[in-house]
Amino acid sequence: MTARATFALAGLLGLALPTLFTSGCSEDGKTGDCPALSLYDINDPDAAASPKVLEERARAVDAGCSSPLAEASSGGSP
């Protein structure tokens, strides 16, 4: 292995190792800062607009874990 390859490998390891020690999700797959969101059937048109789902989504937006839903746009100018 050349000195250049050794240096490159050491650099990659130096960048990769900190990711092993940063937290993302816990063992159960949930992040510590974001509220839980329930699952719903996307084929049911009323499910996404249920009060429970809307309240959970609003809490996630307030916590900075989700973006607010916007009206669909076809692009272009009016």
C-alpha atoms as a PDB file:
ATOM      1  CA  MET A   1       0.000   0.000   0.000  1.00  0.00           C
ATOM      2  CA  THR A   2       1.421   3.350  -0.973  1.00  0.00           C
ATOM      3  CA  ALA A   3       1.706   6.295   1.352  1.00  0.00           C
ATOM      4  CA  ARG A   4      -0.976   8.128  -0.607  1.00  0.00           C
ATOM      5  CA  ALA A   5      -3.420   5.211  -0.281  1.00  0.00           C
ATOM      6  CA  THR A   6      -2.676   4.899   3.435  1.00  0.00           C
ATOM      7  CA  PHE A   7      -3.294   8.618   3.914  1.00  0.00           C
ATOM      8  CA  ALA A   8      -6.558   8.427   1.946  1.00  0.00           C
ATOM      9  CA  LEU A   9      -7.736   5.439   3.973  1.00  0.00           C
ATOM     10  CA  ALA A  10      -6.876   7.203   7.223  1.00  0.00           C
ATOM     11  CA  GLY A  11      -8.800  10.266   6.064  1.00  0.00           C
ATOM     12  CA  LEU A  12     -11.880   8.210   5.216  1.00  0.00           C
ATOM     13  CA  LEU A  13     -11.760   6.474   8.570  1.00  0.00           C
ATOM     14  CA  GLY A  14     -11.397   9.825  10.289  1.00  0.00           C
ATOM     15  CA  LEU A  15     -14.588  10.979   8.589  1.00  0.00           C
ATOM     16  CA  ALA A  16     -16.502   7.736   9.144  1.00  0.00           C
ATOM     17  CA  LEU A  17     -15.705   7.048  12.787  1.00  0.00           C
ATOM     18  CA  PRO A  18     -17.587  10.030  14.271  1.00  0.00           C
ATOM     19  CA  THR A  19     -20.803   8.771  12.652  1.00  0.00           C
ATOM     20  CA  LEU A  20     -20.601   5.668  14.824  1.00  0.00           C
ATOM     21  CA  PHE A  21     -20.852   7.769  17.951  1.00  0.00           C
ATOM     22  CA  THR A  22     -23.610  10.176  16.947  1.00  0.00           C
ATOM     23  CA  SER A  23     -27.163   9.317  17.813  1.00  0.00           C
ATOM     24  CA  GLY A  24     -29.891   9.089  15.259  1.00  0.00           C
ATOM     25  CA  CYS A  25     -32.585   6.653  16.193  1.00  0.00           C
ATOM     26  CA  SER A  26     -32.908   4.605  19.312  1.00  0.00           C
ATOM     27  CA  GLU A  27     -33.048   0.827  19.252  1.00  0.00           C
ATOM     28  CA  ASP A  28     -36.800   0.904  18.649  1.00  0.00           C
ATOM     29  CA  GLY A  29     -36.383   3.175  15.589  1.00  0.00           C
ATOM     30  CA  LYS A  30     -37.691   6.382  17.143  1.00  0.00           C
ATOM     31  CA  THR A  31     -35.796   9.619  17.466  1.00  0.00           C
ATOM     32  CA  GLY A  32     -35.741  11.196  20.881  1.00  0.00           C
ATOM     33  CA  ASP A  33     -36.834  14.671  19.788  1.00  0.00           C
ATOM     34  CA  CYS A  34     -39.690  13.924  17.407  1.00  0.00           C
ATOM     35  CA  PRO A  35     -43.220  12.938  18.387  1.00  0.00           C
ATOM     36  CA  ALA A  36     -44.571   9.603  17.231  1.00  0.00           C
ATOM     37  CA  LEU A  37     -46.794   9.525  14.146  1.00  0.00           C
ATOM     38  CA  SER A  38     -49.417   6.844  13.703  1.00  0.00           C
ATOM     39  CA  LEU A  39     -49.773   4.881  10.500  1.00  0.00           C
ATOM     40  CA  TYR A  40     -52.934   5.111   8.444  1.00  0.00           C
ATOM     41  CA  ASP A  41     -54.300   3.593   5.231  1.00  0.00           C
ATOM     42  CA  ILE A  42     -53.433   5.954   2.385  1.00  0.00           C
ATOM     43  CA  ASN A  43     -56.198   4.402   0.275  1.00  0.00           C
ATOM     44  CA  ASP A  44     -58.804   5.667   2.742  1.00  0.00           C
ATOM     45  CA  PRO A  45     -59.457   9.313   1.808  1.00  0.00           C
ATOM     46  CA  ASP A  46     -60.772  10.188   5.275  1.00  0.00           C
ATOM     47  CA  ALA A  47     -57.877   8.638   7.210  1.00  0.00           C
ATOM     48  CA  ALA A  48     -55.328  11.356   6.412  1.00  0.00           C
ATOM     49  CA  ALA A  49     -57.767  14.053   7.504  1.00  0.00           C
ATOM     50  CA  SER A  50     -58.724  12.449  10.800  1.00  0.00           C
ATOM     51  CA  PRO A  51     -58.346  14.722  13.840  1.00  0.00           C
ATOM     52  CA  LYS A  52     -55.781  12.369  15.395  1.00  0.00           C
ATOM     53  CA  VAL A  53     -53.531  12.393  12.306  1.00  0.00           C
ATOM     54  CA  LEU A  54     -53.845  16.168  11.880  1.00  0.00           C
ATOM     55  CA  GLU A  55     -52.936  16.760  15.534  1.00  0.00           C
ATOM     56  CA  GLU A  56     -49.922  14.435  15.331  1.00  0.00           C
ATOM     57  CA  ARG A  57     -48.764  16.093  12.115  1.00  0.00           C
ATOM     58  CA  ALA A  58     -49.096  19.568  13.685  1.00  0.00           C
ATOM     59  CA  ARG A  59     -46.984  18.470  16.680  1.00  0.00           C
ATOM     60  CA  ALA A  60     -44.320  17.116  14.302  1.00  0.00           C
ATOM     61  CA  VAL A  61     -44.254  20.405  12.371  1.00  0.00           C
ATOM     62  CA  ASP A  62     -43.998  22.410  15.606  1.00  0.00           C
ATOM     63  CA  ALA A  63     -41.100  20.216  16.745  1.00  0.00           C
ATOM     64  CA  GLY A  64     -39.288  20.796  13.440  1.00  0.00           C
ATOM     65  CA  CYS A  65     -39.496  17.135  12.470  1.00  0.00           C
ATOM     66  CA  SER A  66     -41.775  17.575   9.487  1.00  0.00           C
ATOM     67  CA  SER A  67     -42.678  20.153   6.889  1.00  0.00           C
ATOM     68  CA  PRO A  68     -46.213  21.503   6.723  1.00  0.00           C
ATOM     69  CA  LEU A  69     -48.315  20.143   3.914  1.00  0.00           C
ATOM     70  CA  ALA A  70     -48.868  22.656   1.137  1.00  0.00           C
ATOM     71  CA  GLU A  71     -51.384  22.888  -1.620  1.00  0.00           C
ATOM     72  CA  ALA A  72     -50.327  20.989  -4.708  1.00  0.00           C
ATOM     73  CA  SER A  73     -49.003  23.111  -7.526  1.00  0.00           C
ATOM     74  CA  SER A  74     -48.720  22.325 -11.209  1.00  0.00           C
ATOM     75  CA  GLY A  75     -45.938  24.904 -11.526  1.00  0.00           C
ATOM     76  CA  GLY A  76     -45.800  27.915 -13.759  1.00  0.00           C
ATOM     77  CA  SER A  77     -47.019  31.400 -13.019  1.00  0.00           C
ATOM     78  CA  PRO A  78     -50.660  32.432 -12.597  1.00  0.00           C
END
